[in-house]
């Protein structure tokens, strides 16, 4: 989300340049983010997940765009996990991004669990560089690489490996009827939009959270309506109906992992800076250390997100 906001604004900033004798001025902006998710896991049990974040952007017309972002999230489970009925799980992420012309440098560090940053298995981090090799009106190609820090269940003899080299690439293509991107940055992801300038559109995204089963394929597809696309409001308001597969994982201090994996049919209202989504989750399972232990209760899923730009 942080990267998306930064890159979108960078594109807009470049697009808004007009011919002038005055040199463009450096601009500083702050984006504040807040969100909350609710996942019903039993008739009287639920997982509640509030989050908040800040993003600082410095737009330097002569040298590039610098972005610094931080986010905190809390997962609260009323019933608790494990023998100690642990209820609170914390997530912290930090990211820095510098875009200079065709070159982009990025650093990221995140941790999530009962006790973040308590050991290597709770960490996820990356140092990455990429360069835009091709860019025209319809096609873009980015290539790069770096190092990642992650628990990838890889051992060399009795030594666990947490640091690995990572190739990075991104392909994007768009025309009047179709817009799509294929990217690899730790895991492959695919995004497509059909009829990207129309009143009615189809959006779809696909990514991998693992390779153990078909349930590791996370996706979100929706039919969207932009009622004011031809008016002054443009794309400021949209309504969606969709289907997604997602999962939520809570990691205990003793390294046990509890996961909810589910499908959700939903409706959404998006008003640019505020979005509301509500749906019904079904075909879900509960997993402990990636082993299925039983079905997940069919219940309500809901989320709300807000963004303030200044």
Protein backbone atom coordinates (compact mmCIF):
# COMPACT_ATOMS: atom_id res chain seq x y z
CA UNK A 1 0.00 0.00 0.00
CA UNK A 2 2.81 2.39 0.87
CA UNK A 3 4.69 1.68 -2.36
CA UNK A 4 1.53 2.05 -4.40
CA UNK A 5 0.71 5.46 -2.95
CA UNK A 6 4.25 6.70 -3.53
CA UNK A 7 4.52 5.48 -7.12
CA UNK A 8 1.07 6.75 -8.06
CA UNK A 9 1.85 10.17 -6.73
CA UNK A 10 5.22 10.18 -8.47
CA UNK A 11 3.49 9.53 -11.77
CA UNK A 12 0.94 12.27 -11.12
CA UNK A 13 3.67 14.74 -10.17
CA UNK A 14 5.47 14.15 -13.44
CA UNK A 15 2.23 14.30 -15.42
CA UNK A 16 1.27 17.67 -13.94
CA UNK A 17 4.45 19.46 -15.04
CA UNK A 18 3.76 22.43 -17.29
CA UNK A 19 6.07 24.61 -19.31
CA UNK A 20 7.34 27.39 -17.10
CA UNK A 21 10.43 29.53 -16.66
CA UNK A 22 10.32 28.89 -12.92
CA UNK A 23 12.17 25.87 -11.59
CA UNK A 24 9.91 23.28 -9.93
CA UNK A 25 10.09 23.36 -6.15
CA UNK A 26 10.78 20.45 -3.82
CA UNK A 27 7.57 19.24 -2.17
CA UNK A 28 7.09 17.36 1.10
CA UNK A 29 3.94 15.37 1.80
CA UNK A 30 2.69 13.11 4.59
CA UNK A 31 0.09 10.39 4.16
CA UNK A 32 -1.57 8.94 7.25
CA UNK A 33 -3.30 5.57 6.99
CA UNK A 34 -5.76 3.78 9.26
CA UNK A 35 -7.67 0.54 8.86
CA UNK A 36 -9.53 -2.21 10.65
CA UNK A 37 -10.52 -5.75 9.67
CA UNK A 38 -12.99 -8.17 11.24
CA UNK A 39 -13.01 -11.91 10.54
CA UNK A 40 -15.63 -14.12 12.19
CA UNK A 41 -14.03 -17.46 13.10
CA UNK A 42 -16.85 -19.03 15.13
CA UNK A 43 -20.40 -18.25 16.18
CA UNK A 44 -19.14 -16.03 19.02
CA UNK A 45 -15.43 -15.66 18.14
CA UNK A 46 -13.63 -13.26 15.83
CA UNK A 47 -10.23 -11.89 14.84
CA UNK A 48 -10.08 -8.07 15.04
CA UNK A 49 -7.18 -6.32 13.29
CA UNK A 50 -6.74 -2.52 13.56
CA UNK A 51 -3.74 -0.87 11.86
CA UNK A 52 -2.18 2.56 11.39
CA UNK A 53 0.68 3.96 9.37
CA UNK A 54 2.53 7.04 8.20
CA UNK A 55 4.26 7.74 4.90
CA UNK A 56 6.57 10.66 4.20
CA UNK A 57 7.24 11.67 0.59
CA UNK A 58 9.81 14.16 -0.62
CA UNK A 59 9.41 15.02 -4.31
CA UNK A 60 12.65 16.49 -5.69
CA UNK A 61 12.16 17.46 -9.35
CA UNK A 62 15.90 17.57 -10.03
CA UNK A 63 16.91 14.34 -8.27
CA UNK A 64 13.88 12.08 -7.74
CA UNK A 65 11.38 10.84 -5.18
CA UNK A 66 12.18 9.69 -1.63
CA UNK A 67 9.63 7.74 0.40
CA UNK A 68 9.81 6.60 4.02
CA UNK A 69 6.96 4.57 5.53
CA UNK A 70 6.10 2.87 8.83
CA UNK A 71 3.11 0.73 9.76
CA UNK A 72 1.80 -0.97 12.91
CA UNK A 73 -0.97 -3.56 13.14
CA UNK A 74 -2.58 -5.49 15.98
CA UNK A 75 -4.34 -8.85 15.63
CA UNK A 76 -6.63 -9.52 18.58
CA UNK A 77 -8.24 -12.96 18.90
CA UNK A 78 -10.87 -13.20 21.60
CA UNK A 79 -10.48 -16.96 22.18
CA UNK A 80 -6.67 -16.90 22.29
CA UNK A 81 -4.15 -19.34 20.81
CA UNK A 82 -2.06 -22.05 22.41
CA UNK A 83 -1.91 -23.31 25.99
CA UNK A 84 -1.54 -19.75 27.32
CA UNK A 85 -4.52 -18.42 25.29
CA UNK A 86 -2.41 -15.67 23.71
CA UNK A 87 -4.73 -13.00 22.31
CA UNK A 88 -2.49 -10.17 21.01
CA UNK A 89 -0.21 -10.34 17.97
CA UNK A 90 1.74 -7.35 16.66
CA UNK A 91 3.02 -6.40 13.23
CA UNK A 92 5.63 -3.71 12.51
CA UNK A 93 6.98 -2.73 9.10
CA UNK A 94 9.45 -0.09 7.93
CA UNK A 95 10.27 0.81 4.34
CA UNK A 96 12.50 3.27 2.53
CA UNK A 97 12.36 3.90 -1.23
CA UNK A 98 14.40 6.22 -3.44
CA UNK A 99 13.54 6.71 -7.10
CA UNK A 100 16.09 8.54 -9.25
CA UNK A 101 15.18 8.60 -12.92
CA UNK A 102 15.09 5.00 -14.14
CA UNK A 103 16.74 3.66 -10.96
CA UNK A 104 14.98 2.59 -7.77
CA UNK A 105 16.54 1.60 -4.45
CA UNK A 106 14.43 0.00 -1.70
CA UNK A 107 14.96 -1.29 1.84
CA UNK A 108 12.29 -3.03 3.90
CA UNK A 109 12.11 -4.68 7.32
CA UNK A 110 9.01 -6.25 8.88
CA UNK A 111 8.12 -8.59 11.71
CA UNK A 112 4.85 -10.05 12.93
CA UNK A 113 3.87 -12.29 15.82
CA UNK A 114 3.32 -12.51 19.55
CA UNK A 115 6.78 -10.98 20.06
CA UNK A 116 8.05 -9.21 16.91
CA UNK A 117 11.82 -9.20 16.22
CA UNK A 118 12.30 -11.99 18.80
CA UNK A 119 14.17 -14.29 16.37
CA UNK A 120 15.12 -14.74 12.72
CA UNK A 121 11.94 -16.65 11.93
CA UNK A 122 9.78 -13.62 12.73
CA UNK A 123 11.67 -11.33 10.32
CA UNK A 124 11.11 -10.42 6.70
CA UNK A 125 13.45 -7.93 5.06
CA UNK A 126 14.93 -6.91 1.74
CA UNK A 127 17.55 -4.72 0.07
CA UNK A 128 16.63 -4.25 -3.59
CA UNK A 129 17.67 -2.35 -6.68
CA UNK A 130 15.90 -2.20 -10.04
CA UNK A 131 16.17 -0.23 -13.27
CA UNK A 132 13.53 0.59 -15.83
CA UNK A 133 14.91 -0.77 -19.09
CA UNK A 134 11.93 -0.10 -21.36
CA UNK A 135 9.09 2.41 -21.10
CA UNK A 136 6.68 3.64 -23.75
CA UNK A 137 2.96 4.43 -23.97
CA UNK A 138 1.89 0.78 -23.69
CA UNK A 139 4.81 -1.26 -22.32
CA UNK A 140 7.23 -1.14 -19.40
CA UNK A 141 9.96 -3.55 -18.29
CA UNK A 142 11.85 -3.33 -14.99
CA UNK A 143 14.73 -5.61 -13.98
CA UNK A 144 16.82 -5.80 -10.83
CA UNK A 145 17.81 -7.86 -7.81
CA UNK A 146 18.88 -7.83 -4.20
CA UNK A 147 18.89 -9.79 -0.96
CA UNK A 148 16.00 -10.97 1.19
CA UNK A 149 15.82 -12.04 4.82
CA UNK A 150 13.01 -14.56 5.40
CA UNK A 151 12.08 -17.92 6.85
CA UNK A 152 11.93 -20.01 3.66
CA UNK A 153 12.23 -23.47 5.31
CA UNK A 154 15.61 -24.03 3.63
CA UNK A 155 18.45 -25.96 5.25
CA UNK A 156 21.98 -26.74 4.10
CA UNK A 157 22.88 -29.81 6.17
CA UNK A 158 21.91 -28.68 9.70
CA UNK A 159 22.23 -24.95 8.98
CA UNK A 160 19.04 -22.94 8.41
CA UNK A 161 19.28 -20.37 5.62
CA UNK A 162 17.55 -17.01 6.13
CA UNK A 163 19.39 -14.76 3.63
CA UNK A 164 18.99 -15.37 -0.11
CA UNK A 165 19.64 -13.51 -3.37
CA UNK A 166 16.45 -12.35 -5.07
CA UNK A 167 15.83 -11.49 -8.74
CA UNK A 168 13.31 -8.70 -9.35
CA UNK A 169 11.37 -7.97 -12.50
CA UNK A 170 8.14 -6.30 -13.56
CA UNK A 171 6.30 -6.31 -16.88
CA UNK A 172 3.36 -4.00 -17.56
CA UNK A 173 1.23 -3.61 -20.67
CA UNK A 174 -1.86 -1.52 -21.34
CA UNK A 175 -4.14 -0.44 -24.15
CA UNK A 176 -7.73 0.78 -24.40
CA UNK A 177 -9.17 -2.67 -23.57
CA UNK A 178 -6.61 -4.19 -21.22
CA UNK A 179 -4.15 -3.29 -18.49
CA UNK A 180 -1.95 -5.87 -16.81
CA UNK A 181 1.26 -6.43 -14.87
CA UNK A 182 3.37 -9.45 -13.99
CA UNK A 183 5.90 -9.00 -11.19
CA UNK A 184 8.31 -11.05 -9.14
CA UNK A 185 9.62 -9.71 -5.84
CA UNK A 186 9.85 -12.62 -3.43
CA UNK A 187 6.73 -14.24 -4.90
CA UNK A 188 5.09 -13.97 -8.33
CA UNK A 189 2.04 -11.73 -8.65
CA UNK A 190 -0.32 -10.94 -11.51
CA UNK A 191 -2.76 -8.03 -11.88
CA UNK A 192 -5.18 -7.38 -14.73
CA UNK A 193 -7.91 -4.85 -15.54
CA UNK A 194 -10.35 -5.24 -18.41
CA UNK A 195 -11.81 -2.06 -19.95
CA UNK A 196 -9.65 0.23 -17.72
CA UNK A 197 -11.32 3.45 -18.90
CA UNK A 198 -14.93 2.28 -18.90
CA UNK A 199 -17.87 2.67 -16.57
CA UNK A 200 -17.78 -1.07 -15.82
CA UNK A 201 -14.45 -2.84 -15.30
CA UNK A 202 -13.09 -6.18 -14.18
CA UNK A 203 -10.12 -6.20 -11.78
CA UNK A 204 -8.19 -9.30 -10.83
CA UNK A 205 -5.05 -10.05 -8.82
CA UNK A 206 -3.23 -13.31 -8.12
CA UNK A 207 -0.25 -14.16 -5.88
CA UNK A 208 1.34 -17.10 -4.07
CA UNK A 209 1.61 -17.36 -0.28
CA UNK A 210 3.24 -20.81 -0.47
CA UNK A 211 3.48 -23.98 -2.56
CA UNK A 212 1.85 -26.54 -0.25
CA UNK A 213 -1.63 -26.59 -1.82
CA UNK A 214 -4.10 -24.74 -4.03
CA UNK A 215 -5.14 -22.77 -0.93
CA UNK A 216 -1.78 -20.96 -1.15
CA UNK A 217 -3.05 -19.16 -4.26
CA UNK A 218 -4.36 -15.82 -2.98
CA UNK A 219 -6.62 -13.94 -5.38
CA UNK A 220 -9.06 -11.05 -5.51
CA UNK A 221 -11.35 -10.52 -8.50
CA UNK A 222 -14.15 -7.97 -8.75
CA UNK A 223 -16.58 -6.29 -11.10
CA UNK A 224 -16.34 -2.54 -10.53
CA UNK A 225 -18.56 0.36 -11.46
CA UNK A 226 -17.33 3.98 -11.71
CA UNK A 227 -20.59 5.96 -11.98
CA UNK A 228 -18.89 9.36 -12.47
CA UNK A 229 -16.11 8.31 -14.83
CA UNK A 230 -17.37 10.74 -17.49
CA UNK A 231 -18.17 13.49 -14.99
CA UNK A 232 -16.03 15.96 -13.07
CA UNK A 233 -15.54 13.47 -10.21
CA UNK A 234 -13.90 10.97 -12.58
CA UNK A 235 -12.78 7.85 -10.69
CA UNK A 236 -13.29 9.33 -7.22
CA UNK A 237 -16.11 6.88 -6.43
CA UNK A 238 -16.56 3.20 -7.26
CA UNK A 239 -18.75 0.24 -6.28
CA UNK A 240 -17.50 -3.36 -6.44
CA UNK A 241 -18.73 -6.93 -6.06
CA UNK A 242 -16.06 -9.59 -5.85
CA UNK A 243 -14.59 -12.84 -4.59
CA UNK A 244 -11.26 -13.31 -2.86
CA UNK A 245 -9.15 -15.97 -1.14
CA UNK A 246 -7.02 -14.76 1.73
CA UNK A 247 -5.42 -15.98 4.93
CA UNK A 248 -4.47 -14.62 8.32
CA UNK A 249 -1.57 -16.03 10.36
CA UNK A 250 -0.75 -15.53 14.04
CA UNK A 251 2.69 -16.66 15.26
CA UNK A 252 3.35 -17.59 18.89
CA UNK A 253 6.59 -16.95 20.75
CA UNK A 254 7.21 -20.72 20.77
CA UNK A 255 7.16 -20.58 16.93
CA UNK A 256 3.76 -22.28 16.48
CA UNK A 257 1.69 -20.74 13.67
CA UNK A 258 -2.12 -20.55 13.63
CA UNK A 259 -3.67 -19.72 10.25
CA UNK A 260 -7.17 -19.02 8.94
CA UNK A 261 -7.50 -19.56 5.17
CA UNK A 262 -10.85 -18.68 3.57
CA UNK A 263 -12.87 -17.50 0.60
CA UNK A 264 -14.95 -14.34 0.86
CA UNK A 265 -17.72 -12.96 -1.38
CA UNK A 266 -17.93 -9.21 -0.77
CA UNK A 267 -19.23 -5.81 -1.75
CA UNK A 268 -17.16 -2.63 -1.54
CA UNK A 269 -17.55 1.14 -1.72
CA UNK A 270 -14.40 3.13 -2.49
CA UNK A 271 -14.39 6.93 -2.26
CA UNK A 272 -10.66 7.49 -2.96
CA UNK A 273 -9.60 8.28 0.59
CA UNK A 274 -12.08 5.93 2.32
CA UNK A 275 -13.10 2.37 1.47
CA UNK A 276 -15.61 0.03 3.11
CA UNK A 277 -15.83 -3.71 2.38
CA UNK A 278 -18.20 -6.32 3.82
CA UNK A 279 -18.59 -9.96 2.87
CA UNK A 280 -19.32 -13.54 3.84
CA UNK A 281 -16.40 -15.94 4.34
CA UNK A 282 -16.82 -19.62 3.48
CA UNK A 283 -14.88 -22.73 2.42
CA UNK A 284 -12.32 -21.88 5.10
CA UNK A 285 -9.93 -24.06 7.09
CA UNK A 286 -7.92 -23.71 10.28
CA UNK A 287 -4.24 -24.65 10.15
CA UNK A 288 -1.60 -25.19 12.82
CA UNK A 289 1.98 -25.14 11.55
CA UNK A 290 0.60 -25.42 7.99
CA UNK A 291 -1.39 -28.59 8.79
CA UNK A 292 -5.19 -28.46 8.40
CA UNK A 293 -6.91 -29.07 11.74
CA UNK A 294 -10.53 -28.46 10.76
CA UNK A 295 -13.02 -26.23 8.92
CA UNK A 296 -13.42 -22.53 9.57
CA UNK A 297 -16.82 -21.22 10.61
CA UNK A 298 -18.77 -19.55 7.79
CA UNK A 299 -19.29 -15.99 8.94
CA UNK A 300 -18.78 -12.28 8.32
CA UNK A 301 -15.71 -10.53 6.95
CA UNK A 302 -15.50 -6.72 7.00
CA UNK A 303 -12.86 -4.03 6.59
CA UNK A 304 -12.58 -0.25 6.53
CA UNK A 305 -9.61 1.86 5.40
CA UNK A 306 -8.97 5.59 5.39
CA UNK A 307 -6.15 7.74 4.02
CA UNK A 308 -5.38 11.41 4.68
CA UNK A 309 -3.00 13.26 2.35
CA UNK A 310 -1.42 16.56 3.35
